């Protein structure tokens, strides 16, 4: 079970960080726009779902709480630019969904849960 969990988390991390999920070969501008739209729609949803799964299973696997904070670090990492995909749709397409605000609220709740469990504010057991 632990091996499956590690492989799954590795795959998710790899999916989010490999080549910034951008094509590495010349591509027609229309196709590139389509790929970027898919990226913009899927990354926030994937991150929110993985975060929720990690937090909801931390009572069974306490290390998942730390992994949720690792995920936040990946999203914030300048090398990958994933945070750009959370820009409010109102700024890009006339919508009003602020996914970054929602994700930050989820991280705040995870931090509170972490302190309740005695793991500090970032999911690490203080010694």
N, C-alpha and C. Protein backbone atom coordinates (compact mmCIF):
# COMPACT_ATOMS: atom_id res chain seq x y z
N UNK A 1 0.83 -1.20 0.00
CA UNK A 1 0.00 0.00 0.00
C UNK A 1 0.87 1.26 0.00
N UNK A 2 1.93 1.24 0.82
CA UNK A 2 2.80 2.41 0.90
C UNK A 2 3.49 2.65 -0.43
N UNK A 3 3.87 1.57 -1.12
CA UNK A 3 4.53 1.70 -2.42
C UNK A 3 3.57 2.32 -3.45
N UNK A 4 2.34 1.89 -3.44
CA UNK A 4 1.34 2.43 -4.36
C UNK A 4 1.12 3.92 -4.08
N UNK A 5 1.04 4.27 -2.80
CA UNK A 5 0.84 5.67 -2.41
C UNK A 5 2.02 6.53 -2.86
N UNK A 6 3.24 6.03 -2.65
CA UNK A 6 4.43 6.78 -3.07
C UNK A 6 4.46 6.97 -4.58
N UNK A 7 4.13 5.90 -5.31
CA UNK A 7 4.13 5.99 -6.78
C UNK A 7 3.08 6.98 -7.27
N UNK A 8 1.91 6.98 -6.65
CA UNK A 8 0.86 7.90 -7.04
C UNK A 8 1.28 9.34 -6.79
N UNK A 9 1.81 9.62 -5.62
CA UNK A 9 2.24 10.98 -5.31
C UNK A 9 3.40 11.41 -6.20
N UNK A 10 4.30 10.49 -6.50
CA UNK A 10 5.39 10.79 -7.43
C UNK A 10 4.84 11.14 -8.81
N UNK A 11 3.85 10.37 -9.27
CA UNK A 11 3.26 10.62 -10.59
C UNK A 11 2.56 11.97 -10.65
N UNK A 12 1.86 12.32 -9.59
CA UNK A 12 1.18 13.61 -9.56
C UNK A 12 2.21 14.74 -9.57
N UNK A 13 3.25 14.61 -8.75
CA UNK A 13 4.30 15.64 -8.71
C UNK A 13 4.96 15.76 -10.10
N UNK A 14 5.24 14.63 -10.72
CA UNK A 14 5.88 14.63 -12.04
C UNK A 14 4.96 15.29 -13.08
N UNK A 15 3.68 14.96 -13.01
CA UNK A 15 2.71 15.54 -13.94
C UNK A 15 2.66 17.06 -13.83
N UNK A 16 2.73 17.56 -12.61
CA UNK A 16 2.63 19.00 -12.40
C UNK A 16 3.92 19.74 -12.72
N UNK A 17 5.06 19.06 -12.65
CA UNK A 17 6.32 19.77 -12.76
C UNK A 17 7.11 19.51 -14.04
N UNK A 18 6.78 18.49 -14.78
CA UNK A 18 7.55 18.16 -15.99
C UNK A 18 7.41 19.24 -17.04
N UNK A 19 8.52 19.84 -17.37
CA UNK A 19 8.60 20.83 -18.45
C UNK A 19 7.50 21.87 -18.38
N UNK A 20 7.05 22.15 -17.17
CA UNK A 20 6.03 23.17 -16.98
C UNK A 20 4.77 22.87 -17.77
N UNK A 21 4.60 21.62 -18.15
CA UNK A 21 3.44 21.16 -18.92
C UNK A 21 3.24 21.93 -20.21
N UNK A 22 4.32 22.38 -20.75
CA UNK A 22 4.25 23.10 -22.02
C UNK A 22 4.96 22.28 -23.08
N UNK A 23 4.48 22.31 -24.31
CA UNK A 23 5.12 21.52 -25.35
C UNK A 23 6.56 21.96 -25.58
N UNK A 24 7.43 21.01 -25.87
CA UNK A 24 8.83 21.32 -26.09
C UNK A 24 9.20 21.27 -27.57
N UNK A 25 8.20 21.29 -28.41
CA UNK A 25 8.44 21.26 -29.85
C UNK A 25 7.60 22.35 -30.50
N UNK A 26 8.00 22.80 -31.69
CA UNK A 26 7.20 23.83 -32.37
C UNK A 26 5.78 23.32 -32.61
N UNK A 27 4.83 24.19 -32.39
CA UNK A 27 3.44 23.79 -32.52
C UNK A 27 2.63 24.97 -33.05
N UNK A 28 1.59 24.67 -33.80
CA UNK A 28 0.75 25.72 -34.38
C UNK A 28 0.12 26.53 -33.25
N UNK A 29 -0.04 27.82 -33.50
CA UNK A 29 -0.53 28.71 -32.44
C UNK A 29 -1.92 28.33 -31.95
N UNK A 30 -2.78 27.83 -32.85
CA UNK A 30 -4.12 27.43 -32.43
C UNK A 30 -4.04 26.23 -31.49
N UNK A 31 -3.21 25.26 -31.83
CA UNK A 31 -3.06 24.08 -31.00
C UNK A 31 -2.44 24.45 -29.64
N UNK A 32 -1.47 25.36 -29.68
CA UNK A 32 -0.85 25.81 -28.43
C UNK A 32 -1.89 26.48 -27.54
N UNK A 33 -2.75 27.29 -28.14
CA UNK A 33 -3.81 27.94 -27.37
C UNK A 33 -4.75 26.91 -26.75
N UNK A 34 -5.05 25.85 -27.51
CA UNK A 34 -5.91 24.78 -26.98
C UNK A 34 -5.24 24.06 -25.81
N UNK A 35 -3.95 23.78 -25.95
CA UNK A 35 -3.22 23.12 -24.87
C UNK A 35 -3.14 23.99 -23.63
N UNK A 36 -2.94 25.27 -23.82
CA UNK A 36 -2.87 26.17 -22.68
C UNK A 36 -4.23 26.30 -21.99
N UNK A 37 -5.31 26.25 -22.75
CA UNK A 37 -6.65 26.27 -22.16
C UNK A 37 -6.88 25.02 -21.33
N UNK A 38 -6.46 23.88 -21.86
CA UNK A 38 -6.60 22.63 -21.11
C UNK A 38 -5.79 22.72 -19.82
N UNK A 39 -4.58 23.23 -19.91
CA UNK A 39 -3.72 23.40 -18.73
C UNK A 39 -4.39 24.30 -17.70
N UNK A 40 -4.94 25.41 -18.17
CA UNK A 40 -5.56 26.39 -17.27
C UNK A 40 -6.78 25.80 -16.57
N UNK A 41 -7.49 24.90 -17.25
CA UNK A 41 -8.68 24.30 -16.67
C UNK A 41 -8.36 23.12 -15.75
N UNK A 42 -7.35 22.34 -16.12
CA UNK A 42 -7.10 21.11 -15.38
C UNK A 42 -6.19 21.25 -14.17
N UNK A 43 -5.19 22.10 -14.25
CA UNK A 43 -4.24 22.19 -13.14
C UNK A 43 -4.91 22.63 -11.84
N UNK A 44 -5.68 23.70 -11.81
CA UNK A 44 -6.32 24.06 -10.54
C UNK A 44 -7.23 22.96 -10.00
N UNK A 45 -7.98 22.31 -10.88
CA UNK A 45 -8.87 21.24 -10.46
C UNK A 45 -8.08 20.07 -9.90
N UNK A 46 -7.02 19.67 -10.58
CA UNK A 46 -6.19 18.57 -10.10
C UNK A 46 -5.57 18.90 -8.75
N UNK A 47 -5.02 20.10 -8.62
CA UNK A 47 -4.37 20.50 -7.36
C UNK A 47 -5.38 20.51 -6.23
N UNK A 48 -6.55 21.08 -6.45
CA UNK A 48 -7.57 21.13 -5.40
C UNK A 48 -8.05 19.73 -5.00
N UNK A 49 -8.21 18.86 -5.98
CA UNK A 49 -8.65 17.49 -5.67
C UNK A 49 -7.59 16.71 -4.91
N UNK A 50 -6.34 16.82 -5.34
CA UNK A 50 -5.26 16.12 -4.64
C UNK A 50 -5.12 16.66 -3.23
N UNK A 51 -5.16 17.98 -3.08
CA UNK A 51 -5.06 18.59 -1.75
C UNK A 51 -6.19 18.07 -0.85
N UNK A 52 -7.40 18.08 -1.36
CA UNK A 52 -8.55 17.61 -0.58
C UNK A 52 -8.37 16.14 -0.18
N UNK A 53 -7.90 15.32 -1.11
CA UNK A 53 -7.68 13.90 -0.82
C UNK A 53 -6.62 13.71 0.25
N UNK A 54 -5.53 14.46 0.14
CA UNK A 54 -4.46 14.36 1.14
C UNK A 54 -4.96 14.77 2.53
N UNK A 55 -5.71 15.85 2.58
CA UNK A 55 -6.21 16.34 3.88
C UNK A 55 -7.25 15.38 4.46
N UNK A 56 -8.13 14.87 3.62
CA UNK A 56 -9.18 13.99 4.14
C UNK A 56 -8.65 12.63 4.58
N UNK A 57 -7.45 12.26 4.15
CA UNK A 57 -6.88 10.98 4.55
C UNK A 57 -5.78 11.12 5.59
N UNK A 58 -5.53 12.33 6.07
CA UNK A 58 -4.42 12.52 7.02
C UNK A 58 -4.70 11.89 8.38
N UNK A 59 -5.95 11.59 8.70
CA UNK A 59 -6.22 10.89 9.96
C UNK A 59 -5.77 9.43 9.87
N UNK A 60 -5.74 8.89 8.66
CA UNK A 60 -5.27 7.52 8.44
C UNK A 60 -3.77 7.51 8.19
N UNK A 61 -3.32 8.44 7.37
CA UNK A 61 -1.90 8.57 7.01
C UNK A 61 -1.44 9.99 7.36
N UNK A 62 -0.94 10.21 8.56
CA UNK A 62 -0.53 11.55 8.99
C UNK A 62 0.47 12.23 8.06
N UNK A 63 1.28 11.45 7.36
CA UNK A 63 2.26 12.05 6.43
C UNK A 63 1.59 12.76 5.27
N UNK A 64 0.32 12.47 5.01
CA UNK A 64 -0.39 13.15 3.93
C UNK A 64 -0.56 14.63 4.20
N UNK A 65 -0.57 15.00 5.46
CA UNK A 65 -0.67 16.42 5.80
C UNK A 65 0.58 17.16 5.31
N UNK A 66 1.73 16.58 5.56
CA UNK A 66 2.98 17.18 5.06
C UNK A 66 3.00 17.21 3.54
N UNK A 67 2.47 16.18 2.93
CA UNK A 67 2.43 16.14 1.46
C UNK A 67 1.53 17.23 0.89
N UNK A 68 0.47 17.56 1.61
CA UNK A 68 -0.40 18.65 1.17
C UNK A 68 0.37 19.96 1.14
N UNK A 69 1.24 20.16 2.12
CA UNK A 69 2.06 21.38 2.14
C UNK A 69 3.16 21.33 1.07
N UNK A 70 3.66 20.13 0.77
CA UNK A 70 4.61 19.98 -0.33
C UNK A 70 3.95 20.37 -1.65
N UNK A 71 2.69 19.97 -1.80
CA UNK A 71 1.95 20.33 -3.01
C UNK A 71 1.83 21.85 -3.14
N UNK A 72 1.57 22.52 -2.03
CA UNK A 72 1.49 23.98 -2.05
C UNK A 72 2.83 24.59 -2.46
N UNK A 73 3.92 23.98 -2.04
CA UNK A 73 5.25 24.46 -2.42
C UNK A 73 5.46 24.31 -3.92
N UNK A 74 5.00 23.20 -4.48
CA UNK A 74 5.12 22.99 -5.93
C UNK A 74 4.31 24.04 -6.69
N UNK A 75 3.10 24.31 -6.21
CA UNK A 75 2.25 25.30 -6.87
C UNK A 75 2.90 26.68 -6.82
N UNK A 76 3.55 27.01 -5.71
CA UNK A 76 4.16 28.33 -5.55
C UNK A 76 5.52 28.46 -6.23
N UNK A 77 6.11 27.35 -6.65
CA UNK A 77 7.45 27.37 -7.21
C UNK A 77 7.50 28.12 -8.54
N UNK A 78 8.37 29.10 -8.59
CA UNK A 78 8.53 29.95 -9.78
C UNK A 78 8.93 29.15 -11.01
N UNK A 79 9.66 28.05 -10.83
CA UNK A 79 10.14 27.25 -11.97
C UNK A 79 8.99 26.67 -12.78
N UNK A 80 7.88 26.35 -12.12
CA UNK A 80 6.78 25.70 -12.80
C UNK A 80 5.66 26.65 -13.18
N UNK A 81 5.53 27.74 -12.48
CA UNK A 81 4.51 28.74 -12.80
C UNK A 81 3.09 28.25 -12.67
N UNK A 82 2.86 27.25 -11.85
CA UNK A 82 1.51 26.69 -11.72
C UNK A 82 0.53 27.69 -11.12
N UNK A 83 1.05 28.58 -10.29
CA UNK A 83 0.19 29.59 -9.66
C UNK A 83 -0.50 30.48 -10.70
N UNK A 84 0.13 30.62 -11.85
CA UNK A 84 -0.48 31.43 -12.92
C UNK A 84 -1.82 30.87 -13.39
N UNK A 85 -1.97 29.56 -13.27
CA UNK A 85 -3.21 28.92 -13.72
C UNK A 85 -4.36 29.16 -12.75
N UNK A 86 -4.06 29.71 -11.58
CA UNK A 86 -5.09 29.99 -10.58
C UNK A 86 -5.58 31.43 -10.64
N UNK A 87 -5.07 32.21 -11.59
CA UNK A 87 -5.48 33.60 -11.72
C UNK A 87 -6.99 33.65 -11.90
N UNK A 88 -7.64 34.54 -11.22
CA UNK A 88 -9.11 34.60 -11.33
C UNK A 88 -9.56 34.70 -12.78
N UNK A 89 -10.55 33.89 -13.11
CA UNK A 89 -11.08 33.90 -14.47
C UNK A 89 -11.63 35.27 -14.83
N UNK A 90 -12.03 36.05 -13.84
CA UNK A 90 -12.57 37.37 -14.14
C UNK A 90 -11.53 38.24 -14.83
N UNK A 91 -10.26 37.99 -14.54
CA UNK A 91 -9.20 38.78 -15.17
C UNK A 91 -8.91 38.30 -16.58
N UNK A 92 -9.34 37.10 -16.93
CA UNK A 92 -9.00 36.55 -18.24
C UNK A 92 -10.19 36.35 -19.15
N UNK A 93 -11.30 35.86 -18.57
CA UNK A 93 -12.39 35.44 -19.45
C UNK A 93 -13.78 35.90 -19.02
N UNK A 94 -13.84 36.85 -18.15
CA UNK A 94 -15.14 37.38 -17.77
C UNK A 94 -15.85 36.59 -16.68
N UNK A 95 -15.24 35.56 -16.11
CA UNK A 95 -15.84 34.81 -15.02
C UNK A 95 -15.52 35.45 -13.68
N UNK A 96 -15.97 34.82 -12.61
CA UNK A 96 -15.69 35.41 -11.30
C UNK A 96 -15.16 34.37 -10.31
N UNK A 97 -14.57 33.30 -10.81
CA UNK A 97 -14.07 32.24 -9.95
C UNK A 97 -12.61 32.53 -9.59
N UNK A 98 -12.34 32.72 -8.31
CA UNK A 98 -10.98 32.97 -7.86
C UNK A 98 -10.46 31.69 -7.22
N UNK A 99 -9.82 30.85 -8.02
CA UNK A 99 -9.35 29.56 -7.55
C UNK A 99 -8.17 29.68 -6.59
N UNK A 100 -7.35 30.70 -6.75
CA UNK A 100 -6.23 30.88 -5.83
C UNK A 100 -6.74 31.20 -4.43
N UNK A 101 -7.75 32.03 -4.34
CA UNK A 101 -8.32 32.36 -3.04
C UNK A 101 -8.88 31.09 -2.39
N UNK A 102 -9.54 30.28 -3.17
CA UNK A 102 -10.09 29.02 -2.67
C UNK A 102 -8.98 28.09 -2.21
N UNK A 103 -7.90 27.98 -2.99
CA UNK A 103 -6.79 27.10 -2.63
C UNK A 103 -6.08 27.60 -1.37
N UNK A 104 -5.88 28.89 -1.28
CA UNK A 104 -5.24 29.45 -0.08
C UNK A 104 -6.09 29.21 1.17
N UNK A 105 -7.39 29.27 1.01
CA UNK A 105 -8.28 28.97 2.14
C UNK A 105 -8.13 27.51 2.55
N UNK A 106 -8.00 26.62 1.57
CA UNK A 106 -7.79 25.19 1.86
C UNK A 106 -6.46 24.98 2.60
N UNK A 107 -5.43 25.70 2.19
CA UNK A 107 -4.13 25.60 2.86
C UNK A 107 -4.24 26.13 4.29
N UNK A 108 -4.97 27.21 4.47
CA UNK A 108 -5.17 27.76 5.82
C UNK A 108 -5.85 26.73 6.72
N UNK A 109 -6.89 26.08 6.20
CA UNK A 109 -7.60 25.07 6.98
C UNK A 109 -6.69 23.88 7.29
N UNK A 110 -5.83 23.52 6.34
CA UNK A 110 -4.88 22.43 6.57
C UNK A 110 -3.88 22.81 7.66
N UNK A 111 -3.48 24.07 7.66
CA UNK A 111 -2.55 24.54 8.68
C UNK A 111 -3.19 24.49 10.06
N UNK A 112 -4.45 24.86 10.15
CA UNK A 112 -5.17 24.77 11.42
C UNK A 112 -5.29 23.32 11.88
N UNK A 113 -5.58 22.44 10.94
CA UNK A 113 -5.68 21.01 11.26
C UNK A 113 -4.33 20.49 11.74
N UNK A 114 -3.27 20.95 11.11
CA UNK A 114 -1.92 20.54 11.48
C UNK A 114 -1.59 20.95 12.91
N UNK A 115 -1.98 22.17 13.29
CA UNK A 115 -1.71 22.60 14.67
C UNK A 115 -2.56 21.81 15.66
N UNK A 116 -3.79 21.46 15.28
CA UNK A 116 -4.63 20.64 16.15
C UNK A 116 -4.01 19.27 16.41
N UNK A 117 -3.34 18.74 15.39
CA UNK A 117 -2.72 17.42 15.52
C UNK A 117 -1.33 17.49 16.14
N UNK A 118 -0.89 18.70 16.50
CA UNK A 118 0.42 18.86 17.12
C UNK A 118 1.58 18.75 16.15
N UNK A 119 1.32 19.05 14.89
CA UNK A 119 2.35 18.92 13.87
C UNK A 119 2.91 20.26 13.43
N UNK A 120 2.59 21.33 14.13
CA UNK A 120 3.07 22.65 13.71
C UNK A 120 2.22 23.18 12.57
N UNK A 121 2.54 24.37 12.11
CA UNK A 121 1.70 25.00 11.09
C UNK A 121 1.98 24.49 9.69
N UNK A 122 3.04 23.72 9.51
CA UNK A 122 3.35 23.20 8.17
C UNK A 122 3.40 21.68 8.13
N UNK A 123 2.76 21.03 9.07
CA UNK A 123 2.63 19.58 9.03
C UNK A 123 3.89 18.83 9.41
N UNK A 124 4.77 19.43 10.19
CA UNK A 124 5.99 18.75 10.62
C UNK A 124 5.96 18.63 12.14
N UNK A 125 6.18 17.45 12.62
CA UNK A 125 6.17 17.22 14.07
C UNK A 125 7.33 17.96 14.69
N UNK A 126 7.02 18.83 15.66
CA UNK A 126 8.06 19.57 16.37
C UNK A 126 8.72 18.66 17.40
N UNK A 127 10.03 18.73 17.47
CA UNK A 127 10.76 17.87 18.43
C UNK A 127 11.41 18.69 19.49
